[in-house]
C-alpha atoms as a PDB file:
ATOM      1  CA  MET A   1      -9.931  12.097   4.614  1.00  0.00           C
ATOM      2  CA  LEU A   2      -9.595  11.166   0.965  1.00  0.00           C
ATOM      3  CA  GLU A   3      -6.790  12.895  -0.907  1.00  0.00           C
ATOM      4  CA  THR A   4      -6.739  13.177  -4.683  1.00  0.00           C
ATOM      5  CA  LYS A   5      -5.176  15.204  -7.462  1.00  0.00           C
ATOM      6  CA  VAL A   6      -7.748  17.142  -9.443  1.00  0.00           C
ATOM      7  CA  ALA A   7      -7.306  17.200 -13.215  1.00  0.00           C
ATOM      8  CA  GLY A   8     -10.917  18.179 -13.926  1.00  0.00           C
ATOM      9  CA  THR A   9     -14.242  18.240 -12.136  1.00  0.00           C
ATOM     10  CA  ALA A  10     -16.549  17.183 -14.975  1.00  0.00           C
ATOM     11  CA  GLY A  11     -18.528  14.107 -14.026  1.00  0.00           C
ATOM     12  CA  ALA A  12     -17.682  14.134 -10.324  1.00  0.00           C
ATOM     13  CA  GLY A  13     -21.202  14.964  -9.181  1.00  0.00           C
ATOM     14  CA  ASP A  14     -22.752  12.449 -11.557  1.00  0.00           C
ATOM     15  CA  ALA A  15     -20.357   9.747 -10.337  1.00  0.00           C
ATOM     16  CA  PHE A  16     -21.124  10.602  -6.709  1.00  0.00           C
ATOM     17  CA  ASN A  17     -24.899  10.557  -7.145  1.00  0.00           C
ATOM     18  CA  ALA A  18     -24.974   7.429  -9.306  1.00  0.00           C
ATOM     19  CA  THR A  19     -22.708   5.504  -6.931  1.00  0.00           C
ATOM     20  CA  PHE A  20     -24.655   6.565  -3.851  1.00  0.00           C
ATOM     21  CA  THR A  21     -27.985   5.670  -5.455  1.00  0.00           C
ATOM     22  CA  ALA A  22     -26.766   2.298  -6.749  1.00  0.00           C
ATOM     23  CA  CYS A  23     -25.339   1.338  -3.362  1.00  0.00           C
ATOM     24  CA  VAL A  24     -28.529   2.253  -1.514  1.00  0.00           C
ATOM     25  CA  ALA A  25     -30.619   0.444  -4.153  1.00  0.00           C
ATOM     26  CA  VAL A  26     -28.763  -2.827  -3.518  1.00  0.00           C
ATOM     27  CA  GLY A  27     -29.220  -2.505   0.240  1.00  0.00           C
ATOM     28  CA  ARG A  28     -25.990  -0.989   1.470  1.00  0.00           C
ATOM     29  CA  SER A  29     -26.100   1.413   4.398  1.00  0.00           C
ATOM     30  CA  ALA A  30     -26.198   5.150   3.792  1.00  0.00           C
ATOM     31  CA  GLU A  31     -22.750   5.499   5.412  1.00  0.00           C
ATOM     32  CA  GLU A  32     -21.205   2.877   3.147  1.00  0.00           C
ATOM     33  CA  ALA A  33     -22.937   4.412   0.123  1.00  0.00           C
ATOM     34  CA  LEU A  34     -21.500   7.838   0.998  1.00  0.00           C
ATOM     35  CA  ARG A  35     -17.996   6.400   1.327  1.00  0.00           C
ATOM     36  CA  ALA A  36     -18.317   4.533  -1.970  1.00  0.00           C
ATOM     37  CA  ALA A  37     -19.624   7.658  -3.704  1.00  0.00           C
ATOM     38  CA  ALA A  38     -16.740   9.755  -2.389  1.00  0.00           C
ATOM     39  CA  ILE A  39     -14.221   7.161  -3.559  1.00  0.00           C
ATOM     40  CA  ASN A  40     -15.679   6.954  -7.066  1.00  0.00           C
ATOM     41  CA  SER A  41     -16.015  10.708  -7.523  1.00  0.00           C
ATOM     42  CA  ALA A  42     -12.465  11.234  -6.221  1.00  0.00           C
ATOM     43  CA  SER A  43     -11.249   8.821  -8.870  1.00  0.00           C
ATOM     44  CA  VAL A  44     -13.179  10.664 -11.599  1.00  0.00           C
ATOM     45  CA  VAL A  45     -11.562  14.023 -10.805  1.00  0.00           C
ATOM     46  CA  ASN A  46      -8.126  12.473 -11.373  1.00  0.00           C
ATOM     47  CA  HIS A  47      -8.916  12.623 -15.096  1.00  0.00           C
ATOM     48  CA  VAL A  48      -9.957  15.369 -17.476  1.00  0.00           C
ATOM     49  CA  ASP A  49     -12.823  13.425 -19.016  1.00  0.00           C
ATOM     50  CA  THR A  50     -15.924  12.022 -17.328  1.00  0.00           C
ATOM     51  CA  GLN A  51     -15.438   8.292 -17.997  1.00  0.00           C
ATOM     52  CA  THR A  52     -11.815   7.261 -17.512  1.00  0.00           C
ATOM     53  CA  GLY A  53     -11.811   7.460 -13.728  1.00  0.00           C
ATOM     54  CA  LEU A  54     -15.047   5.564 -13.124  1.00  0.00           C
ATOM     55  CA  LEU A  55     -14.408   2.542 -10.924  1.00  0.00           C
ATOM     56  CA  SER A  56     -15.967  -0.899 -11.025  1.00  0.00           C
ATOM     57  CA  LEU A  57     -17.912  -2.032  -7.980  1.00  0.00           C
ATOM     58  CA  GLN A  58     -15.121  -4.498  -7.254  1.00  0.00           C
ATOM     59  CA  GLU A  59     -12.546  -1.683  -7.219  1.00  0.00           C
ATOM     60  CA  ILE A  60     -14.786   0.542  -5.105  1.00  0.00           C
ATOM     61  CA  ASP A  61     -15.177  -2.286  -2.588  1.00  0.00           C
ATOM     62  CA  ARG A  62     -11.412  -2.833  -2.525  1.00  0.00           C
ATOM     63  CA  ARG A  63     -10.815   0.846  -1.841  1.00  0.00           C
ATOM     64  CA  LEU A  64     -13.575   0.890   0.771  1.00  0.00           C
ATOM     65  CA  GLY A  65     -11.674  -1.776   2.645  1.00  0.00           C
ATOM     66  CA  GLU A  66      -8.512   0.323   2.543  1.00  0.00           C
ATOM     67  CA  THR A  67     -10.094   3.629   3.581  1.00  0.00           C
ATOM     68  CA  LYS A  68     -13.030   2.769   5.841  1.00  0.00           C
ATOM     69  CA  ALA A  69     -11.128   3.623   9.020  1.00  0.00           C
ATOM     70  CA  THR A  70      -9.991   7.010   7.697  1.00  0.00           C
ATOM     71  CA  LEU A  71     -12.976   8.035   5.557  1.00  0.00           C
ATOM     72  CA  GLU A  72     -15.256   9.396   8.259  1.00  0.00           C
ATOM     73  CA  VAL A  73     -18.942  10.060   7.730  1.00  0.00           C
ATOM     74  CA  ARG A  74     -20.023  12.845  10.068  1.00  0.00           C
ATOM     75  CA  LYS A  75     -23.537  12.985  11.441  1.00  0.00           C
ATOM     76  CA  TRP A  76     -25.377  15.964  12.782  1.00  0.00           C
ATOM     77  CA  SER A  77     -28.878  16.765  13.925  1.00  0.00           C
ATOM     78  CA  HIS A  78     -30.911  19.893  13.469  1.00  0.00           C
END
């Protein structure tokens, strides 16, 4: 689970989608891309505006290392 304080939700979806897409485009797995996207969008909602909370790839990777064990990606089939 990823806990965060929400100051505003503007930009969270854009941050999620852009991070996921960028990670997949450079060859990262879908699971890692989902984790990275969740981390970046969680950072964005800590701020009222859409730019302040955006993380660099280096910071996303650092946080991925800290949260990988607790940030579960669930799979299901239909």
